[in-house]
Amino acid sequence: CDDDKLAAGAYKAARRLGLRIPDDISVTGLDDLALATALDPELTTVHLDAELFGERGMHALLAVLEGREPHGGDIPVQLVVRGSTAPPRAPRD
């Protein structure tokens, strides 16, 4: 999902459809909010340094406004594996 809050909504929708997380469907989020550990099972998510992300975005915007080429670069992220993901099940015959 786009973020942990949307993933929480996906949990609700999956349960309404009778799907079990992660047995029937895996769910992941982005942001590593406190909400991720409040869900059951706890949400697998991607931790992103929001402050660094915003800082890089602001530098890129200022560069464009000043007529310069924005500096590209990677922003490190960390996958935080919790209980909402599992390998896919074997296909049925």
N, C-alpha and C. Protein backbone atom coordinates (compact mmCIF):
# COMPACT_ATOMS: atom_id res chain seq x y z
N CYS A 1 0.83 -1.19 0.00
CA CYS A 1 0.00 0.00 0.00
C CYS A 1 0.87 1.25 0.00
N ASP A 2 0.28 2.34 -0.32
CA ASP A 2 0.97 3.62 -0.41
C ASP A 2 1.50 4.08 0.93
N ASP A 3 0.83 3.75 2.01
CA ASP A 3 1.31 4.09 3.35
C ASP A 3 0.65 3.17 4.37
N ASP A 4 1.11 3.27 5.62
CA ASP A 4 0.60 2.39 6.68
C ASP A 4 -0.89 2.61 6.95
N LYS A 5 -1.36 3.83 6.81
CA LYS A 5 -2.79 4.09 7.05
C LYS A 5 -3.66 3.40 6.00
N LEU A 6 -3.24 3.45 4.77
CA LEU A 6 -3.97 2.76 3.71
C LEU A 6 -3.91 1.25 3.92
N ALA A 7 -2.78 0.77 4.40
CA ALA A 7 -2.64 -0.66 4.69
C ALA A 7 -3.64 -1.09 5.77
N ALA A 8 -3.86 -0.24 6.76
CA ALA A 8 -4.84 -0.54 7.80
C ALA A 8 -6.23 -0.69 7.19
N GLY A 9 -6.55 0.13 6.21
CA GLY A 9 -7.81 0.01 5.50
C GLY A 9 -7.88 -1.28 4.69
N ALA A 10 -6.74 -1.69 4.14
CA ALA A 10 -6.68 -2.96 3.40
C ALA A 10 -6.94 -4.14 4.34
N TYR A 11 -6.46 -4.04 5.58
CA TYR A 11 -6.75 -5.09 6.58
C TYR A 11 -8.26 -5.22 6.74
N LYS A 12 -8.91 -4.10 6.92
CA LYS A 12 -10.36 -4.09 7.15
C LYS A 12 -11.10 -4.69 5.95
N ALA A 13 -10.71 -4.27 4.75
CA ALA A 13 -11.36 -4.77 3.53
C ALA A 13 -11.12 -6.28 3.37
N ALA A 14 -9.90 -6.72 3.64
CA ALA A 14 -9.59 -8.15 3.52
C ALA A 14 -10.45 -8.97 4.47
N ARG A 15 -10.58 -8.50 5.69
CA ARG A 15 -11.39 -9.23 6.67
C ARG A 15 -12.86 -9.28 6.26
N ARG A 16 -13.36 -8.18 5.71
CA ARG A 16 -14.75 -8.17 5.24
C ARG A 16 -14.98 -9.20 4.14
N LEU A 17 -13.93 -9.47 3.37
CA LEU A 17 -14.01 -10.45 2.29
C LEU A 17 -13.69 -11.87 2.77
N GLY A 18 -13.43 -12.00 4.06
CA GLY A 18 -13.12 -13.32 4.61
C GLY A 18 -11.70 -13.78 4.35
N LEU A 19 -10.82 -12.84 4.01
CA LEU A 19 -9.42 -13.18 3.75
C LEU A 19 -8.60 -13.06 5.03
N ARG A 20 -7.65 -13.97 5.18
CA ARG A 20 -6.77 -13.96 6.35
C ARG A 20 -5.40 -13.40 5.97
N ILE A 21 -4.90 -12.52 6.80
CA ILE A 21 -3.58 -11.91 6.60
C ILE A 21 -2.62 -12.66 7.52
N PRO A 22 -1.53 -13.19 7.07
CA PRO A 22 -0.99 -13.26 5.72
C PRO A 22 -1.31 -14.57 4.99
N ASP A 23 -2.19 -15.40 5.55
CA ASP A 23 -2.45 -16.71 4.95
C ASP A 23 -2.98 -16.61 3.53
N ASP A 24 -3.94 -15.70 3.31
CA ASP A 24 -4.56 -15.56 1.99
C ASP A 24 -4.00 -14.39 1.20
N ILE A 25 -3.56 -13.36 1.89
CA ILE A 25 -3.07 -12.15 1.23
C ILE A 25 -2.02 -11.49 2.12
N SER A 26 -0.95 -11.02 1.51
CA SER A 26 0.07 -10.26 2.23
C SER A 26 -0.22 -8.77 2.08
N VAL A 27 0.06 -8.01 3.12
CA VAL A 27 -0.15 -6.57 3.09
C VAL A 27 1.13 -5.89 3.58
N THR A 28 1.56 -4.87 2.86
CA THR A 28 2.72 -4.08 3.28
C THR A 28 2.35 -2.61 3.28
N GLY A 29 3.08 -1.85 4.05
CA GLY A 29 2.86 -0.41 4.12
C GLY A 29 4.14 0.35 3.86
N LEU A 30 4.07 1.64 4.08
CA LEU A 30 5.21 2.53 3.92
C LEU A 30 5.10 3.61 4.96
N ASP A 31 6.12 3.87 5.70
CA ASP A 31 6.24 4.93 6.70
C ASP A 31 6.70 4.40 8.05
N ASP A 32 6.37 3.16 8.39
CA ASP A 32 6.69 2.57 9.69
C ASP A 32 6.13 3.42 10.83
N LEU A 33 4.85 3.75 10.71
CA LEU A 33 4.17 4.50 11.77
C LEU A 33 3.93 3.59 12.97
N ALA A 34 3.64 4.18 14.13
CA ALA A 34 3.31 3.40 15.33
C ALA A 34 2.11 2.49 15.06
N LEU A 35 1.23 2.92 14.18
CA LEU A 35 0.06 2.13 13.79
C LEU A 35 0.47 0.73 13.33
N ALA A 36 1.63 0.61 12.71
CA ALA A 36 2.07 -0.67 12.14
C ALA A 36 2.16 -1.77 13.19
N THR A 37 2.54 -1.41 14.41
CA THR A 37 2.65 -2.42 15.46
C THR A 37 1.35 -2.58 16.24
N ALA A 38 0.37 -1.73 15.98
CA ALA A 38 -0.93 -1.83 16.65
C ALA A 38 -1.87 -2.77 15.90
N LEU A 39 -1.56 -3.05 14.64
CA LEU A 39 -2.41 -3.94 13.84
C LEU A 39 -2.12 -5.40 14.20
N ASP A 40 -3.09 -6.26 13.92
CA ASP A 40 -2.91 -7.68 14.19
C ASP A 40 -3.23 -8.48 12.94
N PRO A 41 -2.24 -9.13 12.33
CA PRO A 41 -0.84 -9.19 12.73
C PRO A 41 -0.13 -7.86 12.45
N GLU A 42 1.00 -7.67 13.14
CA GLU A 42 1.74 -6.43 12.94
C GLU A 42 2.13 -6.28 11.47
N LEU A 43 2.11 -5.04 11.00
CA LEU A 43 2.29 -4.73 9.58
C LEU A 43 3.75 -4.72 9.16
N THR A 44 4.05 -5.44 8.08
CA THR A 44 5.35 -5.32 7.42
C THR A 44 5.32 -3.98 6.68
N THR A 45 6.38 -3.20 6.84
CA THR A 45 6.38 -1.85 6.27
C THR A 45 7.79 -1.46 5.85
N VAL A 46 7.89 -0.35 5.18
CA VAL A 46 9.18 0.20 4.78
C VAL A 46 9.42 1.47 5.58
N HIS A 47 10.55 1.48 6.30
CA HIS A 47 10.92 2.66 7.07
C HIS A 47 11.66 3.63 6.16
N LEU A 48 11.18 4.85 6.11
CA LEU A 48 11.77 5.91 5.29
C LEU A 48 12.03 7.10 6.20
N ASP A 49 13.22 7.65 6.13
CA ASP A 49 13.54 8.84 6.92
C ASP A 49 12.81 10.03 6.30
N ALA A 50 11.65 10.36 6.87
CA ALA A 50 10.80 11.40 6.31
C ALA A 50 11.49 12.76 6.30
N GLU A 51 12.29 13.03 7.31
CA GLU A 51 12.99 14.32 7.36
C GLU A 51 13.99 14.43 6.21
N LEU A 52 14.75 13.39 5.97
CA LEU A 52 15.72 13.39 4.87
C LEU A 52 14.98 13.47 3.53
N PHE A 53 13.87 12.75 3.41
CA PHE A 53 13.07 12.77 2.19
C PHE A 53 12.59 14.20 1.90
N GLY A 54 12.08 14.88 2.91
CA GLY A 54 11.62 16.26 2.75
C GLY A 54 12.75 17.21 2.42
N GLU A 55 13.89 17.00 3.07
CA GLU A 55 15.05 17.85 2.83
C GLU A 55 15.53 17.72 1.39
N ARG A 56 15.62 16.49 0.91
CA ARG A 56 16.05 16.27 -0.48
C ARG A 56 15.05 16.86 -1.46
N GLY A 57 13.77 16.72 -1.16
CA GLY A 57 12.74 17.29 -2.02
C GLY A 57 12.84 18.81 -2.08
N MET A 58 13.08 19.43 -0.93
CA MET A 58 13.20 20.89 -0.89
C MET A 58 14.42 21.36 -1.68
N HIS A 59 15.54 20.65 -1.53
CA HIS A 59 16.74 21.01 -2.29
C HIS A 59 16.49 20.89 -3.80
N ALA A 60 15.78 19.84 -4.19
CA ALA A 60 15.47 19.66 -5.62
C ALA A 60 14.57 20.78 -6.12
N LEU A 61 13.56 21.14 -5.33
CA LEU A 61 12.66 22.22 -5.72
C LEU A 61 13.41 23.54 -5.85
N LEU A 62 14.26 23.85 -4.89
CA LEU A 62 15.04 25.09 -4.96
C LEU A 62 15.95 25.11 -6.18
N ALA A 63 16.55 23.96 -6.49
CA ALA A 63 17.42 23.89 -7.68
C ALA A 63 16.63 24.20 -8.94
N VAL A 64 15.46 23.62 -9.07
CA VAL A 64 14.62 23.87 -10.26
C VAL A 64 14.22 25.33 -10.32
N LEU A 65 13.82 25.90 -9.20
CA LEU A 65 13.42 27.31 -9.17
C LEU A 65 14.57 28.25 -9.53
N GLU A 66 15.80 27.81 -9.23
CA GLU A 66 16.97 28.62 -9.54
C GLU A 66 17.55 28.27 -10.92
N GLY A 67 16.85 27.42 -11.67
CA GLY A 67 17.29 27.08 -13.02
C GLY A 67 18.42 26.06 -13.07
N ARG A 68 18.67 25.38 -11.97
CA ARG A 68 19.73 24.37 -11.93
C ARG A 68 19.11 22.98 -12.04
N GLU A 69 19.95 22.05 -12.45
CA GLU A 69 19.53 20.65 -12.50
C GLU A 69 19.51 20.11 -11.07
N PRO A 70 18.40 19.52 -10.66
CA PRO A 70 18.37 18.96 -9.30
C PRO A 70 19.31 17.77 -9.18
N HIS A 71 19.93 17.65 -8.02
CA HIS A 71 20.84 16.54 -7.76
C HIS A 71 20.03 15.30 -7.43
N GLY A 72 20.28 14.24 -8.17
CA GLY A 72 19.61 12.97 -7.89
C GLY A 72 20.35 12.23 -6.80
N GLY A 73 19.78 11.19 -6.35
CA GLY A 73 20.45 10.37 -5.35
C GLY A 73 19.46 9.47 -4.65
N ASP A 74 20.00 8.46 -4.06
CA ASP A 74 19.16 7.50 -3.35
C ASP A 74 18.90 7.95 -1.92
N ILE A 75 17.76 7.58 -1.43
CA ILE A 75 17.42 7.79 -0.03
C ILE A 75 17.31 6.39 0.57
N PRO A 76 18.11 6.11 1.59
CA PRO A 76 18.07 4.76 2.15
C PRO A 76 16.73 4.44 2.81
N VAL A 77 16.29 3.23 2.61
CA VAL A 77 15.07 2.74 3.25
C VAL A 77 15.39 1.40 3.90
N GLN A 78 14.52 0.98 4.81
CA GLN A 78 14.72 -0.30 5.48
C GLN A 78 13.39 -1.05 5.50
N LEU A 79 13.42 -2.28 5.02
CA LEU A 79 12.24 -3.13 5.09
C LEU A 79 12.13 -3.68 6.51
N VAL A 80 10.99 -3.45 7.14
CA VAL A 80 10.74 -3.92 8.51
C VAL A 80 9.72 -5.06 8.39
N VAL A 81 10.23 -6.28 8.44
CA VAL A 81 9.37 -7.45 8.25
C VAL A 81 8.68 -7.80 9.56
N ARG A 82 7.36 -7.86 9.47
CA ARG A 82 6.54 -8.25 10.62
C ARG A 82 5.60 -9.37 10.18
N GLY A 83 4.45 -9.46 10.77
CA GLY A 83 3.60 -10.61 10.55
C GLY A 83 2.60 -10.55 9.41
N SER A 84 2.59 -9.49 8.63
CA SER A 84 1.54 -9.34 7.60
C SER A 84 1.93 -9.86 6.23
N THR A 85 3.11 -10.45 6.13
CA THR A 85 3.56 -10.97 4.84
C THR A 85 4.00 -12.42 5.00
N ALA A 86 3.83 -13.18 3.93
CA ALA A 86 4.25 -14.58 3.90
C ALA A 86 4.54 -14.95 2.46
N PRO A 87 5.33 -16.01 2.26
CA PRO A 87 5.55 -16.47 0.89
C PRO A 87 4.23 -16.91 0.26
N PRO A 88 4.13 -16.84 -1.06
CA PRO A 88 2.89 -17.29 -1.71
C PRO A 88 2.68 -18.78 -1.48
N ARG A 89 1.41 -19.15 -1.41
CA ARG A 89 1.08 -20.57 -1.26
C ARG A 89 1.36 -21.31 -2.55
N ALA A 90 1.57 -22.60 -2.43
CA ALA A 90 1.78 -23.44 -3.62
C ALA A 90 0.49 -23.47 -4.42
N PRO A 91 0.60 -23.50 -5.75
CA PRO A 91 -0.62 -23.55 -6.58
C PRO A 91 -1.40 -24.83 -6.31
N ARG A 92 -2.71 -24.72 -6.42
CA ARG A 92 -3.58 -25.89 -6.25
C ARG A 92 -3.64 -26.67 -7.55
N ASP A 93 -3.79 -27.98 -7.44
CA ASP A 93 -3.91 -28.82 -8.64
C ASP A 93 -5.33 -28.90 -9.11
